[in-house]
C-alpha cells in the first residue's frame, strides 16, 4: 500500500494537523509508507503452526480473580450529599441539546 499526497492531506485533516509545507508532507508520506511496508512484511509471516499465547513466558498464565462483591455502597448517604436527585437517580445539567 502506498499513500498519495491526497491521502496524507486527508489523514492530516482527520488528525487536525496543519502541514506547513511540501517537505513536511513528503516526510510524513515517506514515514507512513515505510510503516505500511513493515505491516505488509508482518502479514506475510507464516503463523499457521503457532498457537496463540496467553502469556509471554511459557507455562505462565494470567491470574483472574473471582467475580465477587468486596465492597458495599451506602446509596442513601451518597444520594443525600448529591446536588440533585430524583427517584433514586442523580440529576446532571444537560450538556447536549
PDB file of N, CA and C in Angstrom:
ATOM      1  N   UNK A   1       0.852  -1.175   0.000  1.00  0.00           N
ATOM      2  CA  UNK A   1       0.000   0.000   0.000  1.00  0.00           C
ATOM      3  C   UNK A   1       0.893   1.231   0.000  1.00  0.00           C
ATOM      4  N   UNK A   2       0.588   2.137  -0.869  1.00  0.00           N
ATOM      5  CA  UNK A   2       1.371   3.362  -0.960  1.00  0.00           C
ATOM      6  C   UNK A   2       0.431   4.558  -0.872  1.00  0.00           C
ATOM      7  N   UNK A   3       0.750   5.458   0.011  1.00  0.00           N
ATOM      8  CA  UNK A   3      -0.093   6.637   0.201  1.00  0.00           C
ATOM      9  C   UNK A   3       0.255   7.731  -0.796  1.00  0.00           C
ATOM     10  N   UNK A   4      -0.762   8.474  -1.189  1.00  0.00           N
ATOM     11  CA  UNK A   4      -0.564   9.613  -2.085  1.00  0.00           C
ATOM     12  C   UNK A   4      -0.600  10.901  -1.270  1.00  0.00           C
ATOM     13  N   UNK A   5      -0.277  12.007  -1.914  1.00  0.00           N
ATOM     14  CA  UNK A   5      -0.357  13.302  -1.227  1.00  0.00           C
ATOM     15  C   UNK A   5      -1.780  13.592  -0.765  1.00  0.00           C
ATOM     16  N   UNK A   6      -2.764  13.180  -1.561  1.00  0.00           N
ATOM     17  CA  UNK A   6      -4.170  13.389  -1.188  1.00  0.00           C
ATOM     18  C   UNK A   6      -4.499  12.597   0.078  1.00  0.00           C
ATOM     19  N   UNK A   7      -3.982  11.364   0.168  1.00  0.00           N
ATOM     20  CA  UNK A   7      -4.179  10.548   1.370  1.00  0.00           C
ATOM     21  C   UNK A   7      -3.590  11.249   2.589  1.00  0.00           C
ATOM     22  N   UNK A   8      -2.383  11.794   2.435  1.00  0.00           N
ATOM     23  CA  UNK A   8      -1.717  12.480   3.545  1.00  0.00           C
ATOM     24  C   UNK A   8      -2.528  13.707   3.966  1.00  0.00           C
ATOM     25  N   UNK A   9      -3.057  14.436   3.001  1.00  0.00           N
ATOM     26  CA  UNK A   9      -3.889  15.606   3.322  1.00  0.00           C
ATOM     27  C   UNK A   9      -5.131  15.185   4.098  1.00  0.00           C
ATOM     28  N   UNK A  10      -5.768  14.086   3.674  1.00  0.00           N
ATOM     29  CA  UNK A  10      -6.957  13.597   4.383  1.00  0.00           C
ATOM     30  C   UNK A  10      -6.627  13.144   5.797  1.00  0.00           C
ATOM     31  N   UNK A  11      -5.523  12.420   5.953  1.00  0.00           N
ATOM     32  CA  UNK A  11      -5.103  11.959   7.282  1.00  0.00           C
ATOM     33  C   UNK A  11      -4.796  13.162   8.173  1.00  0.00           C
ATOM     34  N   UNK A  12      -4.080  14.138   7.643  1.00  0.00           N
ATOM     35  CA  UNK A  12      -3.737  15.336   8.415  1.00  0.00           C
ATOM     36  C   UNK A  12      -5.004  16.078   8.822  1.00  0.00           C
ATOM     37  N   UNK A  13      -5.958  16.152   7.923  1.00  0.00           N
ATOM     38  CA  UNK A  13      -7.212  16.823   8.236  1.00  0.00           C
ATOM     39  C   UNK A  13      -7.953  16.097   9.348  1.00  0.00           C
ATOM     40  N   UNK A  14      -8.036  14.776   9.264  1.00  0.00           N
ATOM     41  CA  UNK A  14      -8.713  13.994  10.300  1.00  0.00           C
ATOM     42  C   UNK A  14      -8.013  14.113  11.653  1.00  0.00           C
ATOM     43  N   UNK A  15      -6.683  14.206  11.620  1.00  0.00           N
ATOM     44  CA  UNK A  15      -5.900  14.310  12.856  1.00  0.00           C
ATOM     45  C   UNK A  15      -5.749  15.756  13.325  1.00  0.00           C
ATOM     46  N   UNK A  16      -6.372  16.686  12.600  1.00  0.00           N
ATOM     47  CA  UNK A  16      -6.296  18.112  12.926  1.00  0.00           C
ATOM     48  C   UNK A  16      -4.851  18.600  12.936  1.00  0.00           C
ATOM     49  N   UNK A  17      -4.071  18.108  11.962  1.00  0.00           N
ATOM     50  CA  UNK A  17      -2.680  18.535  11.810  1.00  0.00           C
ATOM     51  C   UNK A  17      -2.609  19.566  10.696  1.00  0.00           C
ATOM     52  N   UNK A  18      -1.771  20.556  10.876  1.00  0.00           N
ATOM     53  CA  UNK A  18      -1.561  21.553   9.840  1.00  0.00           C
ATOM     54  C   UNK A  18      -0.171  21.335   9.259  1.00  0.00           C
ATOM     55  N   UNK A  19      -0.150  20.868   8.028  1.00  0.00           N
ATOM     56  CA  UNK A  19       1.130  20.655   7.353  1.00  0.00           C
ATOM     57  C   UNK A  19       1.531  21.972   6.714  1.00  0.00           C
ATOM     58  N   UNK A  20       2.708  22.464   7.098  1.00  0.00           N
ATOM     59  CA  UNK A  20       3.109  23.816   6.697  1.00  0.00           C
ATOM     60  C   UNK A  20       3.716  23.886   5.307  1.00  0.00           C
ATOM     61  N   UNK A  21       4.369  22.823   4.842  1.00  0.00           N
ATOM     62  CA  UNK A  21       4.981  22.887   3.514  1.00  0.00           C
ATOM     63  C   UNK A  21       5.042  21.501   2.876  1.00  0.00           C
ATOM     64  N   UNK A  22       5.466  21.481   1.629  1.00  0.00           N
ATOM     65  CA  UNK A  22       5.529  20.240   0.857  1.00  0.00           C
ATOM     66  C   UNK A  22       6.548  19.270   1.447  1.00  0.00           C
ATOM     67  N   UNK A  23       7.648  19.777   1.997  1.00  0.00           N
ATOM     68  CA  UNK A  23       8.674  18.905   2.593  1.00  0.00           C
ATOM     69  C   UNK A  23       8.110  18.126   3.772  1.00  0.00           C
ATOM     70  N   UNK A  24       7.300  18.805   4.563  1.00  0.00           N
ATOM     71  CA  UNK A  24       6.694  18.148   5.724  1.00  0.00           C
ATOM     72  C   UNK A  24       5.748  17.034   5.261  1.00  0.00           C
ATOM     73  N   UNK A  25       4.981  17.306   4.212  1.00  0.00           N
ATOM     74  CA  UNK A  25       4.069  16.299   3.676  1.00  0.00           C
ATOM     75  C   UNK A  25       4.843  15.107   3.124  1.00  0.00           C
ATOM     76  N   UNK A  26       5.906  15.359   2.389  1.00  0.00           N
ATOM     77  CA  UNK A  26       6.709  14.271   1.824  1.00  0.00           C
ATOM     78  C   UNK A  26       7.363  13.438   2.921  1.00  0.00           C
ATOM     79  N   UNK A  27       7.841  14.097   3.961  1.00  0.00           N
ATOM     80  CA  UNK A  27       8.462  13.389   5.077  1.00  0.00           C
ATOM     81  C   UNK A  27       7.448  12.471   5.766  1.00  0.00           C
ATOM     82  N   UNK A  28       6.256  12.994   5.998  1.00  0.00           N
ATOM     83  CA  UNK A  28       5.215  12.203   6.641  1.00  0.00           C
ATOM     84  C   UNK A  28       4.788  11.042   5.748  1.00  0.00           C
ATOM     85  N   UNK A  29       4.675  11.297   4.447  1.00  0.00           N
ATOM     86  CA  UNK A  29       4.293  10.250   3.500  1.00  0.00           C
ATOM     87  C   UNK A  29       5.337   9.139   3.493  1.00  0.00           C
ATOM     88  N   UNK A  30       6.610   9.507   3.483  1.00  0.00           N
ATOM     89  CA  UNK A  30       7.682   8.508   3.490  1.00  0.00           C
ATOM     90  C   UNK A  30       7.637   7.662   4.754  1.00  0.00           C
ATOM     91  N   UNK A  31       7.481   8.314   5.900  1.00  0.00           N
ATOM     92  CA  UNK A  31       7.450   7.576   7.174  1.00  0.00           C
ATOM     93  C   UNK A  31       6.251   6.631   7.239  1.00  0.00           C
ATOM     94  N   UNK A  32       5.077   7.099   6.813  1.00  0.00           N
ATOM     95  CA  UNK A  32       3.894   6.238   6.851  1.00  0.00           C
ATOM     96  C   UNK A  32       4.006   5.091   5.858  1.00  0.00           C
ATOM     97  N   UNK A  33       4.524   5.358   4.666  1.00  0.00           N
ATOM     98  CA  UNK A  33       4.709   4.280   3.691  1.00  0.00           C
ATOM     99  C   UNK A  33       5.700   3.234   4.194  1.00  0.00           C
ATOM    100  N   UNK A  34       6.769   3.682   4.867  1.00  0.00           N
ATOM    101  CA  UNK A  34       7.725   2.734   5.459  1.00  0.00           C
ATOM    102  C   UNK A  34       7.042   1.875   6.517  1.00  0.00           C
ATOM    103  N   UNK A  35       6.189   2.489   7.305  1.00  0.00           N
ATOM    104  CA  UNK A  35       5.463   1.762   8.345  1.00  0.00           C
ATOM    105  C   UNK A  35       4.535   0.717   7.727  1.00  0.00           C
ATOM    106  N   UNK A  36       3.841   1.085   6.653  1.00  0.00           N
ATOM    107  CA  UNK A  36       2.954   0.134   5.986  1.00  0.00           C
ATOM    108  C   UNK A  36       3.738  -1.018   5.364  1.00  0.00           C
ATOM    109  N   UNK A  37       4.949  -0.773   4.908  1.00  0.00           N
ATOM    110  CA  UNK A  37       5.787  -1.852   4.385  1.00  0.00           C
ATOM    111  C   UNK A  37       6.109  -2.862   5.485  1.00  0.00           C
ATOM    112  N   UNK A  38       6.389  -2.362   6.677  1.00  0.00           N
ATOM    113  CA  UNK A  38       6.657  -3.258   7.810  1.00  0.00           C
ATOM    114  C   UNK A  38       5.420  -4.081   8.130  1.00  0.00           C
ATOM    115  N   UNK A  39       4.238  -3.450   8.104  1.00  0.00           N
ATOM    116  CA  UNK A  39       2.989  -4.180   8.349  1.00  0.00           C
ATOM    117  C   UNK A  39       2.795  -5.276   7.310  1.00  0.00           C
ATOM    118  N   UNK A  40       3.088  -4.970   6.053  1.00  0.00           N
ATOM    119  CA  UNK A  40       2.957  -5.966   4.992  1.00  0.00           C
ATOM    120  C   UNK A  40       3.895  -7.151   5.225  1.00  0.00           C
ATOM    121  N   UNK A  41       5.116  -6.870   5.677  1.00  0.00           N
ATOM    122  CA  UNK A  41       6.062  -7.946   5.988  1.00  0.00           C
ATOM    123  C   UNK A  41       5.520  -8.825   7.107  1.00  0.00           C
ATOM    124  N   UNK A  42       4.956  -8.213   8.124  1.00  0.00           N
ATOM    125  CA  UNK A  42       4.401  -8.983   9.239  1.00  0.00           C
ATOM    126  C   UNK A  42       3.218  -9.834   8.787  1.00  0.00           C
ATOM    127  N   UNK A  43       2.403  -9.300   7.890  1.00  0.00           N
ATOM    128  CA  UNK A  43       1.247 -10.052   7.387  1.00  0.00           C
ATOM    129  C   UNK A  43       1.681 -11.283   6.603  1.00  0.00           C
ATOM    130  N   UNK A  44       2.835 -11.227   5.961  1.00  0.00           N
ATOM    131  CA  UNK A  44       3.282 -12.346   5.136  1.00  0.00           C
ATOM    132  C   UNK A  44       3.947 -13.459   5.954  1.00  0.00           C
ATOM    133  N   UNK A  45       4.171 -13.242   7.229  1.00  0.00           N
ATOM    134  CA  UNK A  45       4.801 -14.267   8.068  1.00  0.00           C
ATOM    135  C   UNK A  45       3.856 -15.457   8.241  1.00  0.00           C
ATOM    136  N   UNK A  46       4.389 -16.660   8.117  1.00  0.00           N
ATOM    137  CA  UNK A  46       3.599 -17.876   8.268  1.00  0.00           C
ATOM    138  C   UNK A  46       3.407 -18.163   9.761  1.00  0.00           C
ATOM    139  N   UNK A  47       2.194 -18.047  10.223  1.00  0.00           N
ATOM    140  CA  UNK A  47       1.889 -18.286  11.637  1.00  0.00           C
ATOM    141  C   UNK A  47       0.928 -19.454  11.813  1.00  0.00           C
ATOM    142  N   UNK A  48       0.795 -20.299  10.784  1.00  0.00           N
ATOM    143  CA  UNK A  48      -0.193 -21.387  10.838  1.00  0.00           C
ATOM    144  C   UNK A  48       0.123 -22.418  11.920  1.00  0.00           C
ATOM    145  N   UNK A  49       1.398 -22.638  12.244  1.00  0.00           N
ATOM    146  CA  UNK A  49       1.767 -23.643  13.250  1.00  0.00           C
ATOM    147  C   UNK A  49       2.081 -23.023  14.606  1.00  0.00           C
ATOM    148  N   UNK A  50       1.695 -21.786  14.793  1.00  0.00           N
ATOM    149  CA  UNK A  50       1.982 -21.105  16.052  1.00  0.00           C
ATOM    150  C   UNK A  50       0.673 -20.896  16.805  1.00  0.00           C
ATOM    151  N   UNK A  51       0.627 -21.406  18.019  1.00  0.00           N
ATOM    152  CA  UNK A  51      -0.601 -21.255  18.801  1.00  0.00           C
ATOM    153  C   UNK A  51      -0.589 -19.902  19.523  1.00  0.00           C
ATOM    154  N   UNK A  52      -1.759 -19.342  19.749  1.00  0.00           N
ATOM    155  CA  UNK A  52      -1.839 -18.052  20.448  1.00  0.00           C
ATOM    156  C   UNK A  52      -1.268 -18.161  21.862  1.00  0.00           C
ATOM    157  N   UNK A  53      -0.652 -17.084  22.322  1.00  0.00           N
ATOM    158  CA  UNK A  53      -0.057 -17.079  23.652  1.00  0.00           C
ATOM    159  C   UNK A  53      -0.989 -16.365  24.628  1.00  0.00           C
ATOM    160  N   UNK A  54      -1.138 -16.938  25.804  1.00  0.00           N
ATOM    161  CA  UNK A  54      -1.887 -16.269  26.860  1.00  0.00           C
ATOM    162  C   UNK A  54      -0.943 -15.465  27.731  1.00  0.00           C
ATOM    163  N   UNK A  55       0.341 -15.821  27.690  1.00  0.00           N
ATOM    164  CA  UNK A  55       1.344 -15.140  28.495  1.00  0.00           C
ATOM    165  C   UNK A  55       2.678 -15.265  27.766  1.00  0.00           C
ATOM    166  N   UNK A  56       3.526 -14.230  27.770  1.00  0.00           N
ATOM    167  CA  UNK A  56       4.794 -14.317  27.043  1.00  0.00           C
ATOM    168  C   UNK A  56       5.782 -15.326  27.615  1.00  0.00           C
ATOM    169  N   UNK A  57       5.625 -15.709  28.867  1.00  0.00           N
ATOM    170  CA  UNK A  57       6.512 -16.699  29.480  1.00  0.00           C
ATOM    171  C   UNK A  57       5.796 -18.045  29.473  1.00  0.00           C
ATOM    172  N   UNK A  58       6.419 -19.034  28.847  1.00  0.00           N
ATOM    173  CA  UNK A  58       5.794 -20.346  28.708  1.00  0.00           C
ATOM    174  C   UNK A  58       5.445 -20.940  30.070  1.00  0.00           C
ATOM    175  N   UNK A  59       4.252 -21.509  30.169  1.00  0.00           N
ATOM    176  CA  UNK A  59       3.805 -22.123  31.415  1.00  0.00           C
ATOM    177  C   UNK A  59       3.130 -21.154  32.370  1.00  0.00           C
ATOM    178  N   UNK A  60       3.194 -19.883  32.080  1.00  0.00           N
ATOM    179  CA  UNK A  60       2.552 -18.887  32.939  1.00  0.00           C
ATOM    180  C   UNK A  60       1.178 -18.549  32.362  1.00  0.00           C
ATOM    181  N   UNK A  61       0.320 -18.007  33.196  1.00  0.00           N
ATOM    182  CA  UNK A  61      -0.985 -17.580  32.723  1.00  0.00           C
ATOM    183  C   UNK A  61      -1.445 -16.391  33.551  1.00  0.00           C
ATOM    184  N   UNK A  62      -2.399 -15.668  33.012  1.00  0.00           N
ATOM    185  CA  UNK A  62      -2.944 -14.505  33.703  1.00  0.00           C
ATOM    186  C   UNK A  62      -3.860 -14.973  34.822  1.00  0.00           C
ATOM    187  N   UNK A  63      -3.569 -14.549  36.020  1.00  0.00           N
ATOM    188  CA  UNK A  63      -4.406 -14.929  37.146  1.00  0.00           C
ATOM    189  C   UNK A  63      -5.658 -14.058  37.141  1.00  0.00           C
ATOM    190  N   UNK A  64      -6.789 -14.707  37.200  1.00  0.00           N
ATOM    191  CA  UNK A  64      -8.060 -13.989  37.188  1.00  0.00           C
ATOM    192  C   UNK A  64      -8.738 -14.226  38.523  1.00  0.00           C
ATOM    193  N   UNK A  65      -9.109 -13.140  39.158  1.00  0.00           N
ATOM    194  CA  UNK A  65      -9.750 -13.279  40.465  1.00  0.00           C
ATOM    195  C   UNK A  65     -11.220 -13.621  40.285  1.00  0.00           C
ATOM    196  N   UNK A  66     -11.811 -14.165  41.318  1.00  0.00           N
ATOM    197  CA  UNK A  66     -13.237 -14.464  41.295  1.00  0.00           C
ATOM    198  C   UNK A  66     -14.034 -13.165  41.274  1.00  0.00           C
ATOM    199  N   UNK A  67     -15.144 -13.196  40.573  1.00  0.00           N
ATOM    200  CA  UNK A  67     -16.021 -12.037  40.488  1.00  0.00           C
ATOM    201  C   UNK A  67     -16.954 -12.045  41.682  1.00  0.00           C
ATOM    202  N   UNK A  68     -16.533 -11.368  42.737  1.00  0.00           N
ATOM    203  CA  UNK A  68     -17.348 -11.340  43.948  1.00  0.00           C
ATOM    204  C   UNK A  68     -17.372  -9.929  44.522  1.00  0.00           C
ATOM    205  N   UNK A  69     -18.439  -9.622  45.222  1.00  0.00           N
ATOM    206  CA  UNK A  69     -18.611  -8.299  45.823  1.00  0.00           C
ATOM    207  C   UNK A  69     -17.656  -8.173  47.005  1.00  0.00           C
ATOM    208  N   UNK A  70     -16.847  -7.112  46.996  1.00  0.00           N
ATOM    209  CA  UNK A  70     -15.902  -6.899  48.087  1.00  0.00           C
ATOM    210  C   UNK A  70     -16.212  -5.627  48.869  1.00  0.00           C
ATOM    211  N   UNK A  71     -17.036  -4.744  48.290  1.00  0.00           N
ATOM    212  CA  UNK A  71     -17.388  -3.503  48.960  1.00  0.00           C
ATOM    213  C   UNK A  71     -18.885  -3.290  48.852  1.00  0.00           C
ATOM    214  N   UNK A  72     -19.405  -2.519  49.765  1.00  0.00           N
ATOM    215  CA  UNK A  72     -20.814  -2.138  49.651  1.00  0.00           C
ATOM    216  C   UNK A  72     -20.882  -0.617  49.564  1.00  0.00           C
ATOM    217  N   UNK A  73     -21.936  -0.136  48.954  1.00  0.00           N
ATOM    218  CA  UNK A  73     -22.115   1.294  48.767  1.00  0.00           C
ATOM    219  C   UNK A  73     -23.313   1.745  49.588  1.00  0.00           C
ATOM    220  N   UNK A  74     -23.126   2.796  50.368  1.00  0.00           N
ATOM    221  CA  UNK A  74     -24.220   3.375  51.135  1.00  0.00           C
ATOM    222  C   UNK A  74     -24.935   4.376  50.233  1.00  0.00           C
ATOM    223  N   UNK A  75     -25.866   3.859  49.448  1.00  0.00           N
ATOM    224  CA  UNK A  75     -26.538   4.677  48.435  1.00  0.00           C
ATOM    225  C   UNK A  75     -27.273   5.863  49.043  1.00  0.00           C
ATOM    226  N   UNK A  76     -27.957   5.648  50.148  1.00  0.00           N
ATOM    227  CA  UNK A  76     -28.702   6.751  50.778  1.00  0.00           C
ATOM    228  C   UNK A  76     -27.771   7.882  51.189  1.00  0.00           C
ATOM    229  N   UNK A  77     -26.608   7.561  51.716  1.00  0.00           N
ATOM    230  CA  UNK A  77     -25.646   8.581  52.104  1.00  0.00           C
ATOM    231  C   UNK A  77     -25.142   9.341  50.873  1.00  0.00           C
ATOM    232  N   UNK A  78     -24.824   8.620  49.801  1.00  0.00           N
ATOM    233  CA  UNK A  78     -24.353   9.267  48.590  1.00  0.00           C
ATOM    234  C   UNK A  78     -25.445  10.140  47.969  1.00  0.00           C
ATOM    235  N   UNK A  79     -26.685   9.687  48.018  1.00  0.00           N
ATOM    236  CA  UNK A  79     -27.795  10.477  47.479  1.00  0.00           C
ATOM    237  C   UNK A  79     -28.010  11.741  48.316  1.00  0.00           C
ATOM    238  N   UNK A  80     -27.771  11.646  49.621  1.00  0.00           N
ATOM    239  CA  UNK A  80     -28.012  12.805  50.488  1.00  0.00           C
ATOM    240  C   UNK A  80     -26.992  13.925  50.247  1.00  0.00           C
ATOM    241  N   UNK A  81     -25.800  13.593  49.755  1.00  0.00           N
ATOM    242  CA  UNK A  81     -24.802  14.639  49.527  1.00  0.00           C
ATOM    243  C   UNK A  81     -24.737  15.088  48.063  1.00  0.00           C
ATOM    244  N   UNK A  82     -25.535  14.443  47.198  1.00  0.00           N
ATOM    245  CA  UNK A  82     -25.554  14.827  45.784  1.00  0.00           C
ATOM    246  C   UNK A  82     -26.312  16.139  45.622  1.00  0.00           C
ATOM    247  N   UNK A  83     -25.902  16.988  44.667  1.00  0.00           N
ATOM    248  CA  UNK A  83     -26.584  18.265  44.453  1.00  0.00           C
ATOM    249  C   UNK A  83     -28.076  18.110  44.138  1.00  0.00           C
ATOM    250  N   UNK A  84     -28.401  17.184  43.208  1.00  0.00           N
ATOM    251  CA  UNK A  84     -29.800  16.970  42.854  1.00  0.00           C
ATOM    252  C   UNK A  84     -30.058  15.501  42.578  1.00  0.00           C
ATOM    253  N   UNK A  85     -31.145  14.984  43.142  1.00  0.00           N
ATOM    254  CA  UNK A  85     -31.560  13.611  42.870  1.00  0.00           C
ATOM    255  C   UNK A  85     -33.075  13.590  42.703  1.00  0.00           C
ATOM    256  N   UNK A  86     -33.529  12.554  42.018  1.00  0.00           N
ATOM    257  CA  UNK A  86     -34.971  12.377  41.841  1.00  0.00           C
ATOM    258  C   UNK A  86     -35.237  10.905  41.621  1.00  0.00           C
ATOM    259  N   UNK A  87     -36.086  10.332  42.439  1.00  0.00           N
ATOM    260  CA  UNK A  87     -36.478   8.918  42.339  1.00  0.00           C
ATOM    261  C   UNK A  87     -35.247   8.002  42.322  1.00  0.00           C
ATOM    262  N   UNK A  88     -34.249   8.326  43.132  1.00  0.00           N
ATOM    263  CA  UNK A  88     -33.053   7.496  43.230  1.00  0.00           C
ATOM    264  C   UNK A  88     -32.033   7.717  42.133  1.00  0.00           C
ATOM    265  N   UNK A  89     -32.267   8.698  41.265  1.00  0.00           N
ATOM    266  CA  UNK A  89     -31.347   8.984  40.176  1.00  0.00           C
ATOM    267  C   UNK A  89     -30.626  10.299  40.440  1.00  0.00           C
ATOM    268  N   UNK A  90     -29.409  10.420  39.918  1.00  0.00           N
ATOM    269  CA  UNK A  90     -28.649  11.660  40.029  1.00  0.00           C
ATOM    270  C   UNK A  90     -29.005  12.549  38.842  1.00  0.00           C
ATOM    271  N   UNK A  91     -29.357  13.784  39.088  1.00  0.00           N
ATOM    272  CA  UNK A  91     -29.683  14.728  38.034  1.00  0.00           C
ATOM    273  C   UNK A  91     -28.447  15.553  37.714  1.00  0.00           C
ATOM    274  N   UNK A  92     -28.154  15.653  36.429  1.00  0.00           N
ATOM    275  CA  UNK A  92     -26.989  16.417  35.990  1.00  0.00           C
ATOM    276  C   UNK A  92     -27.437  17.423  34.946  1.00  0.00           C
ATOM    277  N   UNK A  93     -26.667  18.514  34.772  1.00  0.00           N
ATOM    278  CA  UNK A  93     -27.039  19.509  33.760  1.00  0.00           C
ATOM    279  C   UNK A  93     -26.992  18.918  32.348  1.00  0.00           C
ATOM    280  N   UNK A  94     -27.830  19.414  31.482  1.00  0.00           N
ATOM    281  CA  UNK A  94     -27.844  18.998  30.098  1.00  0.00           C
ATOM    282  C   UNK A  94     -26.592  19.506  29.409  1.00  0.00           C
ATOM    283  N   UNK A  95     -25.882  18.601  28.729  1.00  0.00           N
ATOM    284  CA  UNK A  95     -24.670  19.027  28.024  1.00  0.00           C
ATOM    285  C   UNK A  95     -24.821  18.911  26.514  1.00  0.00           C
ATOM    286  N   UNK A  96     -25.801  18.147  26.061  1.00  0.00           N
ATOM    287  CA  UNK A  96     -26.062  18.011  24.627  1.00  0.00           C
ATOM    288  C   UNK A  96     -27.528  18.334  24.403  1.00  0.00           C
ATOM    289  N   UNK A  97     -27.782  19.240  23.482  1.00  0.00           N
ATOM    290  CA  UNK A  97     -29.165  19.610  23.213  1.00  0.00           C
ATOM    291  C   UNK A  97     -29.698  18.850  22.034  1.00  0.00           C
TER     292      UNK A  97
END
